[in-house]
């Protein structure tokens, strides 16, 4: 997912793998880094009601198809004098823009429980410039191991690397965060953060950021409709447990909160099950299945039947595949 323009490398598992853009994947990813009390939620609308329904939002990450010509047309100036209050890292590794965008949110929030290792990383890199911060991310065993744990099993993976061409679809993540009364867009491919505006005391940063996201979508919408926006939020399950603990038995709201918690726990359990399936290598099962079918002399008939169905579909569709 994404990478530096120009000589963008598509790497194998020994470097940084490409991971799926999914709230369940990202939630488990940060848990493996030691982060507690956060989860990811997909955002389908920028209207005020939808954004408020997310609860406490630490930041947003936005996925879009990177296009060199549009990137070069973005002549917005980057901020200066931010180093004392904002974590910004240049992206110096490929396939890790999602993880870097996530870190851009987590390391800029005072409300996220980072865990010991990530807290130490934040402190260690505090005085680094943006490029050295990017190098520190690339050399972090904690971050790299968590990221690569979501590499899909591929027994046919080549040790070779290739340079992405103009025909490859390249996707990129950026982050939006409120920090120290300011609203920033953080893109690791830029030389610095983009200051979107000041946030007055008590202002809703989600309302303030919506026009910037909408403008980016409109800038790309003539040639691309695939976008994904996710919010990094406080854990809904944790919040519901706190509410339940504060309610007395017989309170009318108690049953509703318990039901909401049950739904949330089911969703989290489903995410974990999906992640197990993502990481599982099904190849031995498939090989053994084919062997059994061949031994029972069922494999060739099944292949022939599949070919015949394909011919029928092609004929019904006027030759279209």
C-alpha atoms as a PDB file:
ATOM      1  CA  UNK A   1       0.000   0.000   0.000  1.00  0.00           C
ATOM      2  CA  UNK A   2       1.763   3.075  -1.249  1.00  0.00           C
ATOM      3  CA  UNK A   3       5.374   4.123  -1.281  1.00  0.00           C
ATOM      4  CA  UNK A   4       7.725   6.766  -2.524  1.00  0.00           C
ATOM      5  CA  UNK A   5       7.162   7.898  -6.124  1.00  0.00           C
ATOM      6  CA  UNK A   6       9.734   7.132  -8.760  1.00  0.00           C
ATOM      7  CA  UNK A   7      11.660   4.037  -7.779  1.00  0.00           C
ATOM      8  CA  UNK A   8       8.881   2.418  -5.773  1.00  0.00           C
ATOM      9  CA  UNK A   9       9.817  -1.142  -4.932  1.00  0.00           C
ATOM     10  CA  UNK A  10       7.365  -3.987  -4.522  1.00  0.00           C
ATOM     11  CA  UNK A  11       9.090  -5.991  -1.811  1.00  0.00           C
ATOM     12  CA  UNK A  12       8.792  -9.452  -0.338  1.00  0.00           C
ATOM     13  CA  UNK A  13       8.180 -10.523   3.254  1.00  0.00           C
ATOM     14  CA  UNK A  14      11.807  -9.985   4.227  1.00  0.00           C
ATOM     15  CA  UNK A  15      11.093  -6.248   3.927  1.00  0.00           C
ATOM     16  CA  UNK A  16       7.653  -4.744   4.530  1.00  0.00           C
ATOM     17  CA  UNK A  17       4.671  -6.615   3.155  1.00  0.00           C
ATOM     18  CA  UNK A  18       1.503  -5.065   1.773  1.00  0.00           C
ATOM     19  CA  UNK A  19      -1.349  -5.467   4.255  1.00  0.00           C
ATOM     20  CA  UNK A  20      -5.071  -5.257   3.738  1.00  0.00           C
ATOM     21  CA  UNK A  21      -6.872  -2.036   4.543  1.00  0.00           C
ATOM     22  CA  UNK A  22      -9.353  -3.329   7.100  1.00  0.00           C
ATOM     23  CA  UNK A  23     -10.459  -2.093  10.545  1.00  0.00           C
ATOM     24  CA  UNK A  24     -10.003  -5.530  12.088  1.00  0.00           C
ATOM     25  CA  UNK A  25      -6.470  -5.822  10.702  1.00  0.00           C
ATOM     26  CA  UNK A  26      -5.477  -2.369  11.926  1.00  0.00           C
ATOM     27  CA  UNK A  27      -7.023  -2.867  15.360  1.00  0.00           C
ATOM     28  CA  UNK A  28      -5.032  -6.063  15.917  1.00  0.00           C
ATOM     29  CA  UNK A  29      -1.940  -4.442  14.397  1.00  0.00           C
ATOM     30  CA  UNK A  30      -1.793  -1.712  17.038  1.00  0.00           C
ATOM     31  CA  UNK A  31      -2.628  -4.196  19.797  1.00  0.00           C
ATOM     32  CA  UNK A  32       0.479  -6.150  18.786  1.00  0.00           C
ATOM     33  CA  UNK A  33       2.487  -2.945  19.219  1.00  0.00           C
ATOM     34  CA  UNK A  34       1.209  -2.713  22.797  1.00  0.00           C
ATOM     35  CA  UNK A  35      -1.406  -0.008  22.241  1.00  0.00           C
ATOM     36  CA  UNK A  36      -4.520  -0.338  24.386  1.00  0.00           C
ATOM     37  CA  UNK A  37      -8.005   1.110  24.297  1.00  0.00           C
ATOM     38  CA  UNK A  38      -8.316   1.980  20.597  1.00  0.00           C
ATOM     39  CA  UNK A  39     -10.036   0.526  17.572  1.00  0.00           C
ATOM     40  CA  UNK A  40     -10.606   1.400  13.935  1.00  0.00           C
ATOM     41  CA  UNK A  41     -13.925   2.161  12.303  1.00  0.00           C
ATOM     42  CA  UNK A  42     -14.693   2.766   8.650  1.00  0.00           C
ATOM     43  CA  UNK A  43     -16.266   6.154   7.927  1.00  0.00           C
ATOM     44  CA  UNK A  44     -18.907   6.186   5.194  1.00  0.00           C
ATOM     45  CA  UNK A  45     -20.117   9.771   5.457  1.00  0.00           C
ATOM     46  CA  UNK A  46     -18.589  13.109   6.413  1.00  0.00           C
ATOM     47  CA  UNK A  47     -21.843  14.560   7.747  1.00  0.00           C
ATOM     48  CA  UNK A  48     -21.832  15.790  11.327  1.00  0.00           C
ATOM     49  CA  UNK A  49     -24.141  13.070  12.656  1.00  0.00           C
ATOM     50  CA  UNK A  50     -22.030  10.230  11.279  1.00  0.00           C
ATOM     51  CA  UNK A  51     -18.825  11.717  12.612  1.00  0.00           C
ATOM     52  CA  UNK A  52     -20.285  12.337  16.078  1.00  0.00           C
ATOM     53  CA  UNK A  53     -21.518   8.735  16.239  1.00  0.00           C
ATOM     54  CA  UNK A  54     -17.884   7.588  16.217  1.00  0.00           C
ATOM     55  CA  UNK A  55     -17.361   8.817  19.760  1.00  0.00           C
ATOM     56  CA  UNK A  56     -13.878   9.999  20.733  1.00  0.00           C
ATOM     57  CA  UNK A  57     -11.726  10.126  17.587  1.00  0.00           C
ATOM     58  CA  UNK A  58      -7.938  10.392  17.908  1.00  0.00           C
ATOM     59  CA  UNK A  59      -7.353  10.834  14.182  1.00  0.00           C
ATOM     60  CA  UNK A  60      -8.372   9.836  10.676  1.00  0.00           C
ATOM     61  CA  UNK A  61      -6.470   7.883   8.016  1.00  0.00           C
ATOM     62  CA  UNK A  62      -7.381   8.235   4.364  1.00  0.00           C
ATOM     63  CA  UNK A  63      -6.551   5.770   1.577  1.00  0.00           C
ATOM     64  CA  UNK A  64      -6.521   6.854  -2.054  1.00  0.00           C
ATOM     65  CA  UNK A  65      -4.956   5.862  -5.354  1.00  0.00           C
ATOM     66  CA  UNK A  66      -1.700   7.772  -5.660  1.00  0.00           C
ATOM     67  CA  UNK A  67      -1.316   9.589  -8.974  1.00  0.00           C
ATOM     68  CA  UNK A  68       1.948  11.330  -9.758  1.00  0.00           C
ATOM     69  CA  UNK A  69       0.477  14.148 -11.826  1.00  0.00           C
ATOM     70  CA  UNK A  70      -2.047  15.113  -9.140  1.00  0.00           C
ATOM     71  CA  UNK A  71       0.577  14.820  -6.422  1.00  0.00           C
ATOM     72  CA  UNK A  72       2.837  17.207  -8.327  1.00  0.00           C
ATOM     73  CA  UNK A  73      -0.016  19.701  -8.685  1.00  0.00           C
ATOM     74  CA  UNK A  74      -0.416  19.896  -4.914  1.00  0.00           C
ATOM     75  CA  UNK A  75       1.599  23.055  -4.235  1.00  0.00           C
ATOM     76  CA  UNK A  76       0.356  23.701  -0.697  1.00  0.00           C
ATOM     77  CA  UNK A  77       3.190  24.877   1.550  1.00  0.00           C
ATOM     78  CA  UNK A  78       4.347  22.629   4.358  1.00  0.00           C
ATOM     79  CA  UNK A  79       4.447  23.870   7.929  1.00  0.00           C
ATOM     80  CA  UNK A  80       7.520  24.917   9.872  1.00  0.00           C
ATOM     81  CA  UNK A  81       8.135  25.309  13.580  1.00  0.00           C
ATOM     82  CA  UNK A  82       6.075  22.240  14.422  1.00  0.00           C
ATOM     83  CA  UNK A  83       8.847  20.057  15.809  1.00  0.00           C
ATOM     84  CA  UNK A  84       8.182  20.840  19.476  1.00  0.00           C
ATOM     85  CA  UNK A  85       4.579  19.591  19.423  1.00  0.00           C
ATOM     86  CA  UNK A  86       4.060  17.346  16.383  1.00  0.00           C
ATOM     87  CA  UNK A  87       5.459  13.938  15.377  1.00  0.00           C
ATOM     88  CA  UNK A  88       6.052  13.895  11.625  1.00  0.00           C
ATOM     89  CA  UNK A  89       8.088  11.254   9.803  1.00  0.00           C
ATOM     90  CA  UNK A  90       9.009  11.013   6.151  1.00  0.00           C
ATOM     91  CA  UNK A  91       8.224   7.703   4.508  1.00  0.00           C
ATOM     92  CA  UNK A  92      11.503   6.014   3.653  1.00  0.00           C
ATOM     93  CA  UNK A  93      10.218   2.450   3.268  1.00  0.00           C
ATOM     94  CA  UNK A  94       7.785   0.930   0.815  1.00  0.00           C
ATOM     95  CA  UNK A  95       4.503  -0.866   1.521  1.00  0.00           C
ATOM     96  CA  UNK A  96       4.270   0.644   5.001  1.00  0.00           C
ATOM     97  CA  UNK A  97       2.295   3.838   4.418  1.00  0.00           C
ATOM     98  CA  UNK A  98      -0.728   2.448   6.280  1.00  0.00           C
ATOM     99  CA  UNK A  99       1.325   1.649   9.368  1.00  0.00           C
ATOM    100  CA  UNK A 100       3.112   4.997   9.139  1.00  0.00           C
ATOM    101  CA  UNK A 101      -0.206   6.885   8.884  1.00  0.00           C
ATOM    102  CA  UNK A 102      -1.481   4.966  11.915  1.00  0.00           C
ATOM    103  CA  UNK A 103       1.657   5.851  13.882  1.00  0.00           C
ATOM    104  CA  UNK A 104       1.191   9.489  12.847  1.00  0.00           C
ATOM    105  CA  UNK A 105      -2.115   9.457  14.710  1.00  0.00           C
ATOM    106  CA  UNK A 106      -1.088   7.371  17.718  1.00  0.00           C
ATOM    107  CA  UNK A 107       2.151   9.260  18.411  1.00  0.00           C
ATOM    108  CA  UNK A 108       0.364  12.619  18.216  1.00  0.00           C
ATOM    109  CA  UNK A 109      -2.426  11.806  20.658  1.00  0.00           C
ATOM    110  CA  UNK A 110      -2.072  12.519  24.358  1.00  0.00           C
ATOM    111  CA  UNK A 111      -5.048  10.269  25.130  1.00  0.00           C
ATOM    112  CA  UNK A 112      -3.794   6.993  23.636  1.00  0.00           C
ATOM    113  CA  UNK A 113      -2.170   4.410  25.925  1.00  0.00           C
ATOM    114  CA  UNK A 114       0.833   3.559  23.765  1.00  0.00           C
ATOM    115  CA  UNK A 115       2.387   0.863  25.910  1.00  0.00           C
ATOM    116  CA  UNK A 116       5.978   0.782  27.122  1.00  0.00           C
ATOM    117  CA  UNK A 117       7.820   0.046  23.864  1.00  0.00           C
ATOM    118  CA  UNK A 118       5.990   2.546  21.676  1.00  0.00           C
ATOM    119  CA  UNK A 119       6.234   5.190  24.415  1.00  0.00           C
ATOM    120  CA  UNK A 120       9.986   4.610  24.554  1.00  0.00           C
ATOM    121  CA  UNK A 121      10.137   4.899  20.763  1.00  0.00           C
ATOM    122  CA  UNK A 122       8.289   8.230  20.879  1.00  0.00           C
ATOM    123  CA  UNK A 123      10.657   9.572  23.507  1.00  0.00           C
ATOM    124  CA  UNK A 124      13.762   8.254  21.746  1.00  0.00           C
ATOM    125  CA  UNK A 125      12.847   9.913  18.424  1.00  0.00           C
ATOM    126  CA  UNK A 126      11.560  13.191  19.860  1.00  0.00           C
ATOM    127  CA  UNK A 127      14.565  15.273  18.791  1.00  0.00           C
ATOM    128  CA  UNK A 128      15.041  13.528  15.426  1.00  0.00           C
ATOM    129  CA  UNK A 129      14.326  15.314  12.164  1.00  0.00           C
ATOM    130  CA  UNK A 130      11.534  13.954   9.964  1.00  0.00           C
ATOM    131  CA  UNK A 131      13.770  11.779   7.774  1.00  0.00           C
ATOM    132  CA  UNK A 132      15.547  10.248  10.758  1.00  0.00           C
ATOM    133  CA  UNK A 133      12.159   9.569  12.345  1.00  0.00           C
ATOM    134  CA  UNK A 134      11.206   7.696   9.165  1.00  0.00           C
ATOM    135  CA  UNK A 135      14.431   5.685   9.352  1.00  0.00           C
ATOM    136  CA  UNK A 136      13.699   4.916  13.009  1.00  0.00           C
ATOM    137  CA  UNK A 137      10.304   3.495  12.023  1.00  0.00           C
ATOM    138  CA  UNK A 138      11.923   1.350   9.335  1.00  0.00           C
ATOM    139  CA  UNK A 139      14.389  -0.040  11.891  1.00  0.00           C
ATOM    140  CA  UNK A 140      11.859  -0.667  14.661  1.00  0.00           C
ATOM    141  CA  UNK A 141      11.561  -4.410  15.275  1.00  0.00           C
ATOM    142  CA  UNK A 142       8.330  -3.786  17.196  1.00  0.00           C
ATOM    143  CA  UNK A 143       6.614  -1.979  14.319  1.00  0.00           C
ATOM    144  CA  UNK A 144       8.025  -4.162  11.555  1.00  0.00           C
ATOM    145  CA  UNK A 145       7.149  -7.447  13.272  1.00  0.00           C
ATOM    146  CA  UNK A 146       3.579  -6.312  13.961  1.00  0.00           C
ATOM    147  CA  UNK A 147       3.188  -5.075  10.376  1.00  0.00           C
ATOM    148  CA  UNK A 148       4.605  -8.206   8.741  1.00  0.00           C
ATOM    149  CA  UNK A 149       2.515 -10.513  10.933  1.00  0.00           C
ATOM    150  CA  UNK A 150      -0.304  -9.774   8.477  1.00  0.00           C
ATOM    151  CA  UNK A 151       1.623 -10.944   5.431  1.00  0.00           C
ATOM    152  CA  UNK A 152      -0.614 -13.397   3.564  1.00  0.00           C
ATOM    153  CA  UNK A 153       0.995 -16.835   3.306  1.00  0.00           C
ATOM    154  CA  UNK A 154       2.351 -17.237  -0.210  1.00  0.00           C
ATOM    155  CA  UNK A 155       4.436 -20.354  -0.903  1.00  0.00           C
ATOM    156  CA  UNK A 156       5.103 -19.097  -4.426  1.00  0.00           C
ATOM    157  CA  UNK A 157       6.554 -15.764  -3.320  1.00  0.00           C
ATOM    158  CA  UNK A 158       9.667 -14.834  -5.266  1.00  0.00           C
ATOM    159  CA  UNK A 159      12.840 -13.545  -3.670  1.00  0.00           C
ATOM    160  CA  UNK A 160      13.141 -11.076  -6.512  1.00  0.00           C
ATOM    161  CA  UNK A 161      12.067  -7.449  -6.312  1.00  0.00           C
ATOM    162  CA  UNK A 162      10.703  -5.399  -9.127  1.00  0.00           C
ATOM    163  CA  UNK A 163      10.201  -1.701  -9.639  1.00  0.00           C
ATOM    164  CA  UNK A 164       6.596  -0.617  -9.922  1.00  0.00           C
ATOM    165  CA  UNK A 165       5.629   0.624 -13.371  1.00  0.00           C
ATOM    166  CA  UNK A 166       3.116   3.215 -14.519  1.00  0.00           C
ATOM    167  CA  UNK A 167       0.617   0.400 -15.035  1.00  0.00           C
ATOM    168  CA  UNK A 168       0.632  -0.629 -11.364  1.00  0.00           C
ATOM    169  CA  UNK A 169      -2.084   0.725  -9.072  1.00  0.00           C
ATOM    170  CA  UNK A 170      -0.331   2.476  -6.195  1.00  0.00           C
ATOM    171  CA  UNK A 171      -2.331   3.303  -3.085  1.00  0.00           C
ATOM    172  CA  UNK A 172      -1.291   5.639  -0.327  1.00  0.00           C
ATOM    173  CA  UNK A 173      -2.390   6.521   3.221  1.00  0.00           C
ATOM    174  CA  UNK A 174      -2.283   9.926   4.865  1.00  0.00           C
ATOM    175  CA  UNK A 175      -3.393  11.018   8.326  1.00  0.00           C
ATOM    176  CA  UNK A 176      -5.422  13.894   9.748  1.00  0.00           C
ATOM    177  CA  UNK A 177      -4.839  14.901  13.371  1.00  0.00           C
ATOM    178  CA  UNK A 178      -5.650  17.758  15.757  1.00  0.00           C
ATOM    179  CA  UNK A 179      -2.531  18.764  17.691  1.00  0.00           C
ATOM    180  CA  UNK A 180      -1.918  21.761  19.956  1.00  0.00           C
ATOM    181  CA  UNK A 181      -4.897  23.736  18.659  1.00  0.00           C
ATOM    182  CA  UNK A 182      -4.020  23.118  15.026  1.00  0.00           C
ATOM    183  CA  UNK A 183      -5.336  20.770  12.352  1.00  0.00           C
ATOM    184  CA  UNK A 184      -2.711  18.923  10.308  1.00  0.00           C
ATOM    185  CA  UNK A 185      -2.550  16.665   7.263  1.00  0.00           C
ATOM    186  CA  UNK A 186       0.383  14.254   7.586  1.00  0.00           C
ATOM    187  CA  UNK A 187       1.686  12.698   4.372  1.00  0.00           C
ATOM    188  CA  UNK A 188       5.003  10.856   4.588  1.00  0.00           C
ATOM    189  CA  UNK A 189       5.706  11.576   0.914  1.00  0.00           C
ATOM    190  CA  UNK A 190       5.769  15.326   1.567  1.00  0.00           C
ATOM    191  CA  UNK A 191       8.717  17.207   3.064  1.00  0.00           C
ATOM    192  CA  UNK A 192       6.629  18.258   6.046  1.00  0.00           C
ATOM    193  CA  UNK A 193       3.123  18.442   7.521  1.00  0.00           C
ATOM    194  CA  UNK A 194       0.431  20.580   5.926  1.00  0.00           C
ATOM    195  CA  UNK A 195      -1.276  22.966   8.333  1.00  0.00           C
ATOM    196  CA  UNK A 196      -4.969  22.977   7.448  1.00  0.00           C
ATOM    197  CA  UNK A 197      -5.945  25.637   9.962  1.00  0.00           C
ATOM    198  CA  UNK A 198      -6.213  26.758  13.549  1.00  0.00           C
ATOM    199  CA  UNK A 199      -8.718  25.128  15.885  1.00  0.00           C
ATOM    200  CA  UNK A 200     -10.397  27.623  18.224  1.00  0.00           C
ATOM    201  CA  UNK A 201     -10.974  26.560  21.801  1.00  0.00           C
ATOM    202  CA  UNK A 202     -13.863  24.088  21.921  1.00  0.00           C
ATOM    203  CA  UNK A 203     -14.054  23.684  18.136  1.00  0.00           C
ATOM    204  CA  UNK A 204     -15.023  20.287  16.705  1.00  0.00           C
ATOM    205  CA  UNK A 205     -12.000  19.193  14.693  1.00  0.00           C
ATOM    206  CA  UNK A 206     -14.033  16.589  12.798  1.00  0.00           C
ATOM    207  CA  UNK A 207     -16.256  19.309  11.374  1.00  0.00           C
ATOM    208  CA  UNK A 208     -13.170  21.353  10.511  1.00  0.00           C
ATOM    209  CA  UNK A 209     -11.433  18.506   8.678  1.00  0.00           C
ATOM    210  CA  UNK A 210     -14.439  17.404   6.585  1.00  0.00           C
ATOM    211  CA  UNK A 211     -14.001  20.080   3.855  1.00  0.00           C
ATOM    212  CA  UNK A 212     -10.320  19.168   3.415  1.00  0.00           C
ATOM    213  CA  UNK A 213     -11.147  15.484   2.937  1.00  0.00           C
ATOM    214  CA  UNK A 214     -14.031  16.303   0.599  1.00  0.00           C
ATOM    215  CA  UNK A 215     -11.772  18.547  -1.465  1.00  0.00           C
ATOM    216  CA  UNK A 216      -9.218  15.758  -1.830  1.00  0.00           C
ATOM    217  CA  UNK A 217     -11.920  13.310  -2.926  1.00  0.00           C
ATOM    218  CA  UNK A 218     -13.223  15.785  -5.508  1.00  0.00           C
ATOM    219  CA  UNK A 219      -9.705  16.407  -6.820  1.00  0.00           C
ATOM    220  CA  UNK A 220      -9.297  12.707  -7.579  1.00  0.00           C
ATOM    221  CA  UNK A 221     -12.913  11.778  -8.350  1.00  0.00           C
ATOM    222  CA  UNK A 222     -12.726  12.443 -12.107  1.00  0.00           C
ATOM    223  CA  UNK A 223     -10.354   9.511 -12.564  1.00  0.00           C
ATOM    224  CA  UNK A 224     -10.758   7.442  -9.398  1.00  0.00           C
ATOM    225  CA  UNK A 225     -13.651   6.444  -7.137  1.00  0.00           C
ATOM    226  CA  UNK A 226     -11.870   4.068  -4.751  1.00  0.00           C
ATOM    227  CA  UNK A 227     -11.297   5.788  -1.425  1.00  0.00           C
ATOM    228  CA  UNK A 228     -11.305   4.572   2.142  1.00  0.00           C
ATOM    229  CA  UNK A 229     -11.571   6.650   5.302  1.00  0.00           C
ATOM    230  CA  UNK A 230     -11.054   5.189   8.772  1.00  0.00           C
ATOM    231  CA  UNK A 231     -11.248   6.698  12.220  1.00  0.00           C
ATOM    232  CA  UNK A 232      -8.969   5.696  15.058  1.00  0.00           C
ATOM    233  CA  UNK A 233     -11.328   5.850  18.016  1.00  0.00           C
ATOM    234  CA  UNK A 234     -11.475   5.026  21.674  1.00  0.00           C
ATOM    235  CA  UNK A 235     -12.515   1.421  22.276  1.00  0.00           C
ATOM    236  CA  UNK A 236     -16.304   1.193  22.185  1.00  0.00           C
ATOM    237  CA  UNK A 237     -16.290  -1.974  24.266  1.00  0.00           C
ATOM    238  CA  UNK A 238     -14.238  -0.300  27.011  1.00  0.00           C
ATOM    239  CA  UNK A 239     -16.532   2.722  27.028  1.00  0.00           C
ATOM    240  CA  UNK A 240     -19.639   0.543  27.239  1.00  0.00           C
ATOM    241  CA  UNK A 241     -18.141  -1.443  30.123  1.00  0.00           C
ATOM    242  CA  UNK A 242     -17.523   1.816  31.998  1.00  0.00           C
ATOM    243  CA  UNK A 243     -21.111   2.917  31.397  1.00  0.00           C
ATOM    244  CA  UNK A 244     -22.484  -0.439  32.533  1.00  0.00           C
ATOM    245  CA  UNK A 245     -20.396  -0.311  35.709  1.00  0.00           C
ATOM    246  CA  UNK A 246     -21.831   3.134  36.524  1.00  0.00           C
ATOM    247  CA  UNK A 247     -25.489   2.088  36.103  1.00  0.00           C
ATOM    248  CA  UNK A 248     -27.566   0.518  38.836  1.00  0.00           C
ATOM    249  CA  UNK A 249     -29.571  -2.652  38.339  1.00  0.00           C
ATOM    250  CA  UNK A 250     -33.021  -1.722  37.158  1.00  0.00           C
ATOM    251  CA  UNK A 251     -31.805   1.326  35.270  1.00  0.00           C
ATOM    252  CA  UNK A 252     -33.641   1.485  31.946  1.00  0.00           C
ATOM    253  CA  UNK A 253     -30.390   2.110  30.077  1.00  0.00           C
ATOM    254  CA  UNK A 254     -28.601  -0.929  31.514  1.00  0.00           C
ATOM    255  CA  UNK A 255     -30.186  -3.537  29.251  1.00  0.00           C
ATOM    256  CA  UNK A 256     -29.527  -1.397  26.183  1.00  0.00           C
ATOM    257  CA  UNK A 257     -25.856  -0.932  27.091  1.00  0.00           C
ATOM    258  CA  UNK A 258     -25.432  -4.656  27.700  1.00  0.00           C
ATOM    259  CA  UNK A 259     -26.958  -5.402  24.320  1.00  0.00           C
ATOM    260  CA  UNK A 260     -24.664  -2.875  22.652  1.00  0.00           C
ATOM    261  CA  UNK A 261     -21.678  -4.439  24.388  1.00  0.00           C
ATOM    262  CA  UNK A 262     -22.684  -7.917  23.218  1.00  0.00           C
ATOM    263  CA  UNK A 263     -22.879  -6.664  19.623  1.00  0.00           C
ATOM    264  CA  UNK A 264     -19.493  -4.966  19.935  1.00  0.00           C
ATOM    265  CA  UNK A 265     -17.854  -8.077  21.421  1.00  0.00           C
ATOM    266  CA  UNK A 266     -19.292 -10.197  18.614  1.00  0.00           C
ATOM    267  CA  UNK A 267     -17.767  -7.806  16.078  1.00  0.00           C
ATOM    268  CA  UNK A 268     -14.357  -7.958  17.763  1.00  0.00           C
ATOM    269  CA  UNK A 269     -14.521 -11.765  17.866  1.00  0.00           C
ATOM    270  CA  UNK A 270     -15.416 -11.806  14.165  1.00  0.00           C
ATOM    271  CA  UNK A 271     -12.429  -9.584  13.391  1.00  0.00           C
ATOM    272  CA  UNK A 272     -10.097 -11.945  15.245  1.00  0.00           C
ATOM    273  CA  UNK A 273     -11.487 -14.970  13.399  1.00  0.00           C
ATOM    274  CA  UNK A 274     -11.062 -13.183  10.054  1.00  0.00           C
ATOM    275  CA  UNK A 275      -7.456 -12.341  10.922  1.00  0.00           C
ATOM    276  CA  UNK A 276      -6.727 -15.976  11.727  1.00  0.00           C
ATOM    277  CA  UNK A 277      -8.062 -16.946   8.308  1.00  0.00           C
ATOM    278  CA  UNK A 278      -6.005 -14.216   6.626  1.00  0.00           C
ATOM    279  CA  UNK A 279      -2.807 -15.606   8.107  1.00  0.00           C
ATOM    280  CA  UNK A 280      -3.565 -19.302   7.643  1.00  0.00           C
ATOM    281  CA  UNK A 281      -1.828 -21.240   4.878  1.00  0.00           C
ATOM    282  CA  UNK A 282      -4.503 -23.273   3.103  1.00  0.00           C
ATOM    283  CA  UNK A 283      -2.137 -24.743   0.507  1.00  0.00           C
ATOM    284  CA  UNK A 284      -1.479 -28.101   2.295  1.00  0.00           C
ATOM    285  CA  UNK A 285      -5.228 -28.631   2.649  1.00  0.00           C
ATOM    286  CA  UNK A 286      -5.826 -27.879  -1.037  1.00  0.00           C
ATOM    287  CA  UNK A 287      -3.006 -30.167  -2.177  1.00  0.00           C
ATOM    288  CA  UNK A 288      -4.352 -33.027  -0.088  1.00  0.00           C
ATOM    289  CA  UNK A 289      -7.880 -32.372  -1.347  1.00  0.00           C
ATOM    290  CA  UNK A 290      -6.679 -32.610  -4.956  1.00  0.00           C
ATOM    291  CA  UNK A 291      -4.791 -35.819  -4.161  1.00  0.00           C
ATOM    292  CA  UNK A 292      -7.887 -37.409  -2.617  1.00  0.00           C
ATOM    293  CA  UNK A 293     -10.043 -36.378  -5.572  1.00  0.00           C
ATOM    294  CA  UNK A 294      -7.460 -37.805  -7.986  1.00  0.00           C
ATOM    295  CA  UNK A 295      -7.252 -41.080  -6.068  1.00  0.00           C
ATOM    296  CA  UNK A 296     -11.022 -41.423  -6.273  1.00  0.00           C
ATOM    297  CA  UNK A 297     -10.881 -40.547  -9.977  1.00  0.00           C
ATOM    298  CA  UNK A 298     -13.099 -37.508  -9.403  1.00  0.00           C
ATOM    299  CA  UNK A 299     -10.617 -34.761 -10.221  1.00  0.00           C
ATOM    300  CA  UNK A 300     -10.671 -34.948 -14.044  1.00  0.00           C
ATOM    301  CA  UNK A 301     -14.500 -35.156 -14.231  1.00  0.00           C
ATOM    302  CA  UNK A 302     -14.763 -32.093 -11.988  1.00  0.00           C
ATOM    303  CA  UNK A 303     -12.295 -30.190 -14.186  1.00  0.00           C
ATOM    304  CA  UNK A 304     -14.178 -31.184 -17.318  1.00  0.00           C
ATOM    305  CA  UNK A 305     -17.491 -30.141 -15.750  1.00  0.00           C
ATOM    306  CA  UNK A 306     -16.034 -26.771 -14.784  1.00  0.00           C
ATOM    307  CA  UNK A 307     -14.752 -26.209 -18.330  1.00  0.00           C
ATOM    308  CA  UNK A 308     -18.174 -27.043 -19.733  1.00  0.00           C
ATOM    309  CA  UNK A 309     -19.890 -24.585 -17.381  1.00  0.00           C
ATOM    310  CA  UNK A 310     -17.409 -21.926 -18.449  1.00  0.00           C
ATOM    311  CA  UNK A 311     -18.228 -22.565 -22.113  1.00  0.00           C
ATOM    312  CA  UNK A 312     -21.954 -22.315 -21.386  1.00  0.00           C
ATOM    313  CA  UNK A 313     -21.521 -19.021 -19.546  1.00  0.00           C
ATOM    314  CA  UNK A 314     -19.398 -17.648 -22.375  1.00  0.00           C
ATOM    315  CA  UNK A 315     -22.021 -18.672 -24.932  1.00  0.00           C
ATOM    316  CA  UNK A 316     -24.840 -17.160 -22.857  1.00  0.00           C
ATOM    317  CA  UNK A 317     -22.891 -13.928 -22.542  1.00  0.00           C
ATOM    318  CA  UNK A 318     -22.231 -13.602 -26.227  1.00  0.00           C
ATOM    319  CA  UNK A 319     -18.631 -14.678 -25.869  1.00  0.00           C
ATOM    320  CA  UNK A 320     -17.857 -12.340 -22.974  1.00  0.00           C
ATOM    321  CA  UNK A 321     -15.775 -13.747 -20.178  1.00  0.00           C
END
